[in-house]
Structure formats: C-alpha cells, structure tokens
Protein backbone atom coordinates (compact mmCIF):
# COMPACT_ATOMS: atom_id res chain seq x y z
CA MET A 1 -296.75 80.86 101.52
CA SER A 2 -298.33 79.89 98.19
CA PHE A 3 -296.20 78.53 95.29
CA SER A 4 -297.35 78.58 91.64
CA LEU A 5 -295.77 78.01 88.29
CA PRO A 6 -296.51 81.51 86.90
CA ASP A 7 -294.76 83.05 89.92
CA PHE A 8 -291.87 80.73 89.51
CA ARG A 9 -291.39 81.62 85.93
CA ARG A 10 -291.74 85.32 86.60
CA LYS A 11 -289.14 85.13 89.36
CA TRP A 12 -286.72 82.64 87.71
CA SER A 13 -287.16 83.47 84.00
CA CYS A 14 -283.70 82.26 82.87
CA ARG A 15 -284.23 78.76 84.39
CA GLY A 16 -287.51 78.60 82.63
CA TYR A 17 -285.88 79.26 79.28
CA MET A 18 -283.18 76.72 80.04
CA SER A 19 -285.71 74.03 80.82
CA ALA A 20 -287.65 74.86 77.65
CA GLY A 21 -284.47 74.71 75.54
CA ALA A 22 -283.48 71.43 77.07
CA ALA A 23 -286.83 70.01 76.11
CA MET A 24 -286.43 71.18 72.59
CA VAL A 25 -282.95 69.67 72.25
CA THR A 26 -284.27 66.34 73.57
CA ALA A 27 -287.08 66.34 71.09
CA ALA A 28 -284.73 67.12 68.23
CA LEU A 29 -282.36 64.26 69.15
CA GLY A 30 -285.25 61.86 69.31
CA LEU A 31 -286.51 63.00 65.92
CA SER A 32 -283.07 62.60 64.39
CA LEU A 33 -282.68 59.07 65.63
CA VAL A 34 -286.02 58.12 64.15
CA LEU A 35 -285.22 59.62 60.85
CA SER A 36 -281.76 58.01 60.69
CA GLU A 37 -283.30 54.54 61.32
CA ARG A 38 -285.85 55.08 58.52
CA ALA A 39 -283.16 56.39 56.14
CA GLU A 40 -280.93 53.39 56.86
CA ALA A 41 -283.84 51.17 56.30
CA ARG A 42 -284.46 52.61 52.79
CA LYS A 43 -280.69 53.06 52.17
CA SER A 44 -280.88 56.74 51.65
CA THR A 45 -278.60 59.44 52.94
CA SER A 46 -279.22 60.56 56.47
CA PRO A 47 -279.86 64.22 57.10
CA LEU A 48 -277.15 64.25 59.72
CA ASP A 49 -274.51 63.11 57.30
CA ILE A 50 -273.73 66.76 56.61
CA PHE A 51 -272.65 67.11 60.28
CA GLY A 52 -270.59 63.89 60.30
CA ILE A 53 -272.46 62.38 63.24
CA ALA A 54 -274.53 59.78 61.40
CA ALA A 55 -273.54 56.16 61.41
CA PRO A 56 -271.25 55.22 58.44
CA ARG A 57 -273.04 53.58 55.57
CA PRO A 58 -271.38 50.62 53.85
CA ARG A 59 -270.25 51.34 50.32
CA ALA A 60 -271.40 49.36 47.36
CA ALA A 61 -269.00 47.04 45.61
CA VAL A 62 -266.84 48.69 42.93
CA HIS A 63 -266.86 47.01 39.54
CA SER A 64 -263.72 47.55 37.35
CA ALA A 65 -264.52 48.67 33.83
CA LYS A 66 -262.59 47.25 30.91
CA ILE A 67 -260.79 49.94 28.90
CA PRO A 68 -259.81 48.99 25.35
CA LEU A 69 -256.02 49.31 24.66
CA PRO A 70 -254.61 50.68 21.34
CA ARG A 71 -253.47 48.26 18.72
CA PRO A 72 -249.73 47.53 18.55
CA ARG A 73 -247.57 49.54 16.06
CA PRO A 74 -246.70 47.53 12.95
CA GLU A 75 -243.04 46.79 12.38
CA GLU A 76 -242.95 48.26 8.95
CA ALA A 77 -244.13 51.68 10.18
CA PRO A 78 -241.46 54.41 10.31
CA LYS A 79 -240.04 55.22 13.65
CA ALA A 80 -241.40 58.40 15.37
CA SER A 81 -238.79 61.12 15.88
CA ASP A 82 -238.74 63.26 19.06
CA GLU A 83 -237.99 66.41 17.00
CA ALA A 84 -240.81 68.68 16.00
CA PRO A 85 -241.80 68.67 12.34
CA PRO A 86 -240.22 71.47 10.33
CA ASP A 87 -242.12 74.50 9.21
CA ALA A 88 -242.44 75.75 5.64
CA ASP A 89 -239.06 77.51 5.99
CA GLY A 90 -237.35 74.22 6.94
CA LYS A 91 -236.89 75.14 10.61
CA PRO A 92 -238.46 73.12 13.44
CA SER A 93 -241.35 75.03 15.03
CA ALA A 94 -240.93 75.98 18.69
CA ASP A 95 -244.65 75.50 19.38
CA LYS A 96 -244.59 71.86 18.33
CA ALA A 97 -241.48 70.89 20.14
CA SER A 98 -241.45 68.12 22.68
CA PRO A 99 -242.50 69.04 26.25
CA ASP A 100 -239.07 67.97 27.54
CA LYS A 101 -237.29 70.34 25.23
CA ARG A 102 -239.65 73.15 25.88
CA GLY A 103 -239.14 72.68 29.61
CA ALA A 104 -235.38 72.66 29.08
CA ASP A 105 -235.50 75.91 27.16
CA LYS A 106 -237.44 77.72 29.92
CA PRO A 107 -234.57 78.29 32.39
CA ALA A 108 -232.31 79.59 29.59
CA GLU A 109 -230.35 82.78 30.32
CA ALA A 110 -231.48 86.18 29.11
CA ALA A 111 -230.46 87.01 25.58
CA PRO A 112 -227.30 89.11 25.43
CA ALA A 113 -227.35 92.79 24.38
CA PRO A 114 -227.13 93.33 20.63
CA GLN A 115 -223.56 93.86 19.52
CA LYS A 116 -222.46 97.08 17.96
CA PRO A 117 -222.07 96.88 14.19
CA VAL A 118 -218.52 96.79 12.95
CA SER A 119 -217.46 99.93 11.01
CA ALA A 120 -216.17 99.89 7.49
CA CYS A 121 -212.79 101.14 8.67
CA ARG A 122 -212.45 98.25 11.11
CA LEU A 123 -213.28 95.74 8.34
CA ALA A 124 -210.66 97.37 6.01
CA LEU A 125 -207.89 97.58 8.65
CA THR A 126 -206.93 93.95 8.60
CA GLU A 127 -203.82 92.24 9.96
CA GLU A 128 -202.25 92.47 6.53
CA ILE A 129 -202.09 96.27 6.95
CA ALA A 130 -201.59 96.84 10.68
CA ILE A 131 -201.59 95.10 14.03
CA ALA A 132 -204.33 97.20 15.62
CA PRO A 133 -206.71 95.30 18.00
CA SER A 134 -209.99 97.00 18.81
CA ILE A 135 -210.51 98.36 22.33
CA PRO A 136 -213.70 99.45 24.16
CA ASP A 137 -215.04 102.94 23.68
CA ILE A 138 -213.66 105.60 26.01
CA ARG A 139 -215.96 107.92 27.87
CA GLY A 140 -213.76 110.39 29.72
CA PRO A 141 -214.52 113.63 31.53
CA GLY A 142 -216.08 116.27 29.29
CA ALA A 143 -215.88 115.34 25.61
CA CYS A 144 -212.76 113.22 26.04
CA GLY A 145 -212.73 109.77 24.39
CA GLY A 146 -214.21 108.37 21.34
CA GLU A 147 -215.71 105.35 19.54
CA ASP A 148 -214.28 102.79 17.17
CA LEU A 149 -210.87 102.91 18.88
CA VAL A 150 -207.85 100.68 18.24
CA ARG A 151 -204.42 100.19 19.79
CA LEU A 152 -201.92 100.62 16.89
CA GLU A 153 -199.04 98.36 17.72
CA ALA A 154 -197.32 97.91 14.35
CA VAL A 155 -197.75 98.64 10.67
CA VAL A 156 -197.27 95.77 8.18
CA LEU A 157 -195.37 96.82 5.07
CA PRO A 158 -196.08 95.40 1.62
CA ASP A 159 -193.05 93.05 1.98
CA LYS A 160 -194.55 91.66 5.27
CA ARG A 161 -192.07 93.51 7.42
CA LYS A 162 -193.47 95.15 10.55
CA VAL A 163 -192.85 98.77 11.67
CA THR A 164 -193.22 98.86 15.37
CA VAL A 165 -195.02 101.86 16.97
CA LYS A 166 -193.24 102.65 20.21
CA PRO A 167 -195.11 103.01 22.43
CA ALA A 168 -198.37 101.62 21.00
CA ALA A 169 -200.78 104.44 20.06
CA ILE A 170 -204.45 104.58 21.05
CA LEU A 171 -206.20 106.16 18.07
CA ARG A 172 -209.47 106.15 16.19
CA CYS A 173 -209.63 103.61 13.47
CA THR A 174 -209.55 106.30 10.71
CA MET A 175 -206.50 107.94 12.19
CA ALA A 176 -204.64 104.59 12.52
CA SER A 177 -205.53 103.73 8.95
CA ALA A 178 -204.14 107.12 7.79
CA ILE A 179 -200.89 106.43 9.66
CA ALA A 180 -200.57 103.03 8.11
CA ASP A 181 -201.17 104.33 4.56
CA TRP A 182 -198.64 107.14 5.09
CA LEU A 183 -195.86 104.73 6.19
CA ARG A 184 -196.65 102.06 3.52
CA LYS A 185 -197.01 104.42 0.56
CA ASP A 186 -194.84 107.46 1.28
CA MET A 187 -192.21 106.56 3.84
CA VAL A 188 -191.19 103.20 2.31
CA PRO A 189 -189.98 104.84 -0.97
CA LEU A 190 -188.14 107.52 1.06
CA ALA A 191 -186.39 104.88 3.14
CA SER A 192 -185.53 102.97 -0.05
CA SER A 193 -183.84 106.07 -1.47
CA LEU A 194 -181.67 106.15 1.65
CA GLY A 195 -180.71 102.48 1.15
CA SER A 196 -182.76 100.92 3.95
CA THR A 197 -186.34 100.24 5.12
CA ILE A 198 -188.44 101.52 7.96
CA GLY A 199 -188.09 99.72 11.33
CA GLU A 200 -189.76 101.87 13.98
CA LEU A 201 -191.99 104.85 14.44
CA ASP A 202 -191.14 107.08 17.43
CA ASN A 203 -194.51 107.95 18.98
CA PHE A 204 -194.22 110.98 21.24
CA ASP A 205 -197.93 111.18 22.24
CA SER A 206 -201.30 109.82 21.12
CA PHE A 207 -204.50 109.77 23.22
CA GLU A 208 -204.46 112.10 26.30
CA CYS A 209 -207.44 113.85 27.80
CA ARG A 210 -206.19 117.47 27.86
CA GLY A 211 -206.57 120.90 26.34
CA ARG A 212 -204.59 122.26 23.43
CA ASN A 213 -200.85 122.58 24.26
CA ARG A 214 -201.73 121.34 27.78
CA VAL A 215 -203.09 124.77 28.67
CA VAL A 216 -205.66 124.57 31.52
CA GLY A 217 -209.06 125.75 30.28
CA ALA A 218 -208.10 125.61 26.62
CA MET A 219 -210.21 124.04 23.88
CA LEU A 220 -210.10 120.27 23.90
CA SER A 221 -207.15 118.97 21.86
CA GLU A 222 -207.49 116.35 19.12
CA HIS A 223 -205.36 114.18 21.39
CA GLY A 224 -208.28 114.12 23.78
CA LYS A 225 -210.49 112.73 20.98
CA ALA A 226 -207.92 109.99 20.07
CA ASN A 227 -207.62 111.69 16.66
CA ALA A 228 -203.95 112.90 16.74
CA ILE A 229 -200.39 111.64 17.10
CA ASP A 230 -197.07 113.33 17.67
CA VAL A 231 -194.09 111.95 15.76
CA ARG A 232 -190.41 112.70 16.55
CA ALA A 233 -188.48 110.41 14.26
CA ILE A 234 -188.64 107.43 11.95
CA LYS A 235 -185.94 104.88 12.59
CA LEU A 236 -184.55 102.78 9.75
CA ALA A 237 -183.47 99.14 9.82
CA ASN A 238 -179.82 100.11 9.30
CA GLY A 239 -179.77 102.19 12.49
CA GLN A 240 -180.19 105.54 10.80
CA SER A 241 -182.84 107.85 12.25
CA ILE A 242 -184.86 110.37 10.22
CA GLY A 243 -185.35 113.10 12.79
CA LEU A 244 -188.26 115.22 11.39
CA THR A 245 -186.97 118.34 13.19
CA ASP A 246 -183.22 117.60 12.90
CA ARG A 247 -181.49 120.50 11.15
CA THR A 248 -178.45 118.37 10.35
CA LEU A 249 -180.63 116.03 8.20
CA ALA A 250 -180.69 116.82 4.53
CA ARG A 251 -183.24 119.48 3.63
CA GLU A 252 -184.52 117.43 0.70
CA VAL A 253 -185.48 114.51 2.99
CA ARG A 254 -187.39 116.73 5.42
CA GLU A 255 -189.23 118.49 2.63
CA ARG A 256 -190.37 115.19 1.16
CA VAL A 257 -191.79 114.27 4.59
CA LEU A 258 -193.45 117.69 4.78
CA HIS A 259 -195.23 117.30 1.50
CA SER A 260 -196.37 113.81 2.30
CA VAL A 261 -197.95 114.61 5.64
CA CYS A 262 -199.60 117.84 4.46
CA ALA A 263 -201.28 115.95 1.67
CA ARG A 264 -202.74 113.27 3.94
CA PHE A 265 -203.58 114.95 7.29
CA SER A 266 -205.79 118.02 7.95
CA THR A 267 -203.45 119.45 10.58
CA VAL A 268 -199.67 119.51 10.50
CA LEU A 269 -197.82 121.51 13.20
CA GLY A 270 -193.99 121.65 13.44
CA PRO A 271 -191.11 124.03 14.00
CA GLY A 272 -192.23 127.61 13.30
CA SER A 273 -195.91 127.08 14.21
CA ASP A 274 -195.38 127.73 17.93
CA TRP A 275 -192.79 126.92 20.48
CA TYR A 276 -194.78 123.84 21.60
CA HIS A 277 -193.88 121.92 18.45
CA GLU A 278 -190.13 122.62 18.02
CA ASP A 279 -189.03 118.98 18.66
CA HIS A 280 -191.86 116.96 17.07
CA ILE A 281 -194.55 116.97 14.36
CA HIS A 282 -198.23 117.02 15.30
CA LEU A 283 -200.61 115.19 12.93
CA ASP A 284 -204.45 114.90 13.18
CA LEU A 285 -207.59 114.51 11.13
CA ALA A 286 -209.59 117.37 12.61
CA GLN A 287 -212.75 118.16 10.55
CA ARG A 288 -213.26 121.78 9.73
CA ARG A 289 -215.66 123.83 7.58
CA ASN A 290 -215.04 123.60 3.85
CA ASP A 291 -212.33 120.94 4.45
CA TYR A 292 -209.98 123.67 5.66
CA ARG A 293 -206.41 122.38 6.30
CA ILE A 294 -203.46 123.68 8.38
CA CYS A 295 -199.84 123.00 7.42
CA GLN A 296 -197.38 124.92 9.57
CA TRP A 297 -193.91 123.45 9.42
CA ASN A 298 -190.79 125.44 8.60
CA VAL A 299 -187.88 123.34 7.38
CA TRP A 300 -185.03 125.24 8.95
CA ASP A 301 -181.53 125.34 7.39
CA PRO A 302 -178.57 124.03 9.46
CA LEU A 303 -177.23 126.41 12.06
CA PRO A 304 -174.02 128.32 11.08
CA GLN A 305 -170.81 126.82 12.37
CA VAL A 306 -169.21 128.69 15.27
CA ALA A 307 -165.45 129.42 15.08
CA PRO A 308 -163.42 127.32 17.53
CA LEU A 309 -162.11 129.03 20.64
CA LEU A 310 -158.55 127.48 20.41
CA PRO A 311 -156.18 128.06 17.45
CA ALA A 312 -155.79 125.34 14.94
CA GLU A 313 -152.87 122.98 15.34
CA ARG A 314 -149.57 123.83 13.45
CA PRO A 315 -149.28 121.50 10.44
CA GLU A 316 -146.27 119.23 10.41
CA GLU A 317 -145.06 120.51 7.02
CA ALA A 318 -144.75 124.06 8.28
CA PRO A 319 -141.13 125.43 8.56
CA PRO A 320 -139.72 125.80 12.04
CA ARG A 321 -140.18 129.09 13.86
CA GLU A 322 -137.20 131.47 13.88
CA VAL A 323 -135.51 132.29 17.20
CA ALA A 324 -134.06 135.80 17.91
CA ALA A 325 -130.24 135.94 18.00
CA LYS A 326 -128.49 136.94 21.25
CA PRO A 327 -126.66 140.40 21.36
CA GLU A 328 -122.86 140.26 20.80
CA ALA A 329 -120.22 141.56 23.38
CA LYS A 330 -118.75 145.11 22.73
CA PRO A 331 -115.01 145.55 22.07
CA ASP A 332 -114.43 147.97 25.06
CA GLY A 333 -115.19 145.03 27.38
CA LYS A 334 -118.53 146.30 28.38
CA ASP A 335 -121.30 143.90 27.99
CA GLY A 336 -124.02 146.51 28.05
CA THR A 337 -124.84 146.28 31.69
CA ASP A 338 -124.75 150.06 32.11
CA ASP A 339 -127.12 150.57 29.31
CA GLU A 340 -129.46 147.96 30.76
CA ALA A 341 -129.21 149.63 34.18
CA THR A 342 -130.12 152.98 32.72
CA GLU A 343 -133.04 151.42 30.93
CA LYS A 344 -134.28 149.68 34.05
CA SER A 345 -133.70 152.71 36.34
CA PRO A 346 -137.31 154.02 35.93
CA ALA A 347 -138.69 150.66 36.94
CA THR A 348 -136.29 150.37 39.80
CA ALA A 349 -137.23 153.81 40.98
CA GLU A 350 -140.89 152.88 41.06
CA LYS A 351 -140.20 149.51 42.81
CA PRO A 352 -138.95 150.97 46.14
CA ALA A 353 -142.04 153.11 46.29
CA ALA A 354 -144.14 150.03 45.89
CA ASP A 355 -142.05 148.20 48.47
CA ALA A 356 -142.43 151.12 50.82
CA GLY A 357 -146.11 150.93 50.51
CA LYS A 358 -145.98 147.27 51.36
CA SER A 359 -143.88 147.88 54.48
CA GLN A 360 -146.48 150.23 55.92
CA PRO A 361 -148.93 148.64 58.37
CA HIS A 362 -152.09 147.37 56.71
CA LYS A 363 -155.23 149.44 57.33
CA PRO A 364 -158.66 148.00 57.07
CA ALA A 365 -160.47 149.19 53.99
CA THR A 366 -163.72 151.11 54.49
CA LYS A 367 -166.67 150.13 52.26
CA LYS A 368 -168.26 152.95 50.43
CA ARG A 369 -172.01 153.34 50.51
CA ARG A 370 -174.00 153.57 47.26
C-alpha cells in the first residue's frame, strides 16, 4: 500500500486545513512578538494595544502647570448681592436670578385657576347693607341653579339694627339687594308709623328646584333660579306682626305694602291671583319682554262677623222677670179639680191606648227594601 501527501489531503481534507491554519496562527504570533519588541524599542504604540494583549507601557511623568489665580477683591469695593439686577421696570429679571433660586422655583406648584371676577352687585352689597356671604354657583338638574349667589341672613338698617331673615334665604345677589332696599327704604317708615321698628322677616320659601306651584312638568319656577322669595309676615320689635294676608290688619297698612312691592319687583302674587298664594306673597325679579310686570294681590276686607249661637247675658240693671200668679180657690169649695179633670180627659183617654200598645208583646220590625 502506497502512501502519498496528495492522497492524504484528498482523503483527510479537514485535517489539512487545520494544519494549515495552525501554521498561519503560529506565524502571526511570531510576527506580533517581533513587532512589539521593535515598537517598545522605539517607544511607539504596539499594534496589539487595541486588543489589550500587549505589555503595558510606562507612562511619562506628569508635570503640574501653574494656573494664575484672580487678584483679591479690594476692601472698598461694594459687596455683591445675590439678587438679580432689576430690569427697566424695577423688577428683578427671572433669567438673571441666581441658580439656587432658579432651582428652588422649579418644583413650585402649578398656578391656580383664574378666579371669577366679582360682580358689581357683590361689591355694592356690603356688610353695612346686609349680611349676605357669597356661596358657590349651583348647577342643578335641568336649568335649576344660578350664578352670583348669596345666603341672605340679615338686613342691616340705617340705624345699624339687623333684621333677621328666618330661615336664611339663598338668592341671587340682585334679588337679595332688592329685598334689602325694600326693607330699608319702604318698610322702616311703615314700622315707624306703627310705633316700632322691623325685627324679623318671615321667609316662607326661597331657592327650590321645582316647577311653578310645585306642579310636575310645569315651567321652571323663579324659585328654581334663586330669583324669588315668599314672604308671610314682617315682625316688629314690639312683638306685633304685620301679616301681609291677614284680613284683620288695617287695610291701609296692607295697601302700603302692596304699592311698595309692586313698584320694586317684576312679579307680585298674593290672595286673588290663584289659590296657591292665599297665605303668603310671592316676589321675584323675572325678566320679561318690554319690562312687563305682574301685580296680582287683592287686599280683602275683613270677614263679616257671625251672630253668636247663644243669647246675650241679661244685664244686671234689667228689672226682674214677672212670675204668673196662682189661681184663687172658688167660694163653693171646689178648687177646680173637676174642670182640670175634664180638660185632661182627652189626654187620659189617649194614654190607656198608648199603655195598651206597650203591654202587647214586642214584634221584630221588618226592614223595607228600597
């Protein structure tokens, strides 16, 4: 059997490649060693430094450079302030502020939402006129609610006395202002004519989300818009009460109240308008076309007095009542018993018949059918 290198390579090709590769690797390693020695000799970077396998090269000595320092600040120089220099308007600029302050301003909270501007009515309705703190806007179902609302607790009179509103009324600012002006300018002179001053306003109803007259499905009432109030009476400081629908109150007083409210409010409903307003007065500031107003309030006269069921007592100065005289005895000795017997005979004749009927056995009565 003959053995030759070509046959071996043809039969074992992989081993041939492996032997050739090993030879190439050996040659490359030898070449790298030679190059590294020459590079070290001329103090140049070795090609194998990029692979991190070359021998470490000693570093050259580091020489410290002298850096010139600034000159010291003279004592007569003004002290530097940490605040930023002001702008032309006199305000410190935010861009030139110190880094510490700018860093402190970064984590600041988000700016609050812009506040709603205060209305002219709210500015005019001060504590010298009424105790009426503002409340948040109400957004009820449908169109109920409103804006610029207050809780009217009391009205301050010109003499600094307070008229309590019981209970406190939730109204729009314009409606509360109209109530305050009505009490201060119209009701104070009326109470003075009665010898007293106002002490309390009887509030029957103010804000309530409902239809007119509390009818389901009816048009939204002005009460649902916080634009109306129902008043039953005005109580005076001396204990007297001006019932606006009280018939026993003087007609002149009620007419003065009628004229005052009809001149100030766009809607006035009282007795005679409908049976819903027989015991109170409805006041509101509803806006209508052409400034149309409604004033329906009949000032009824007092009811007629009803005659008493029992007779009047007999006066003491009246003469005594006369008593009938007894009959005198007859001269024949008869005292009139015969005559009385004859007169009573018909009654006695009927009596036995009645007694006879009673002596009979009782029979059950039969009910007649209708």
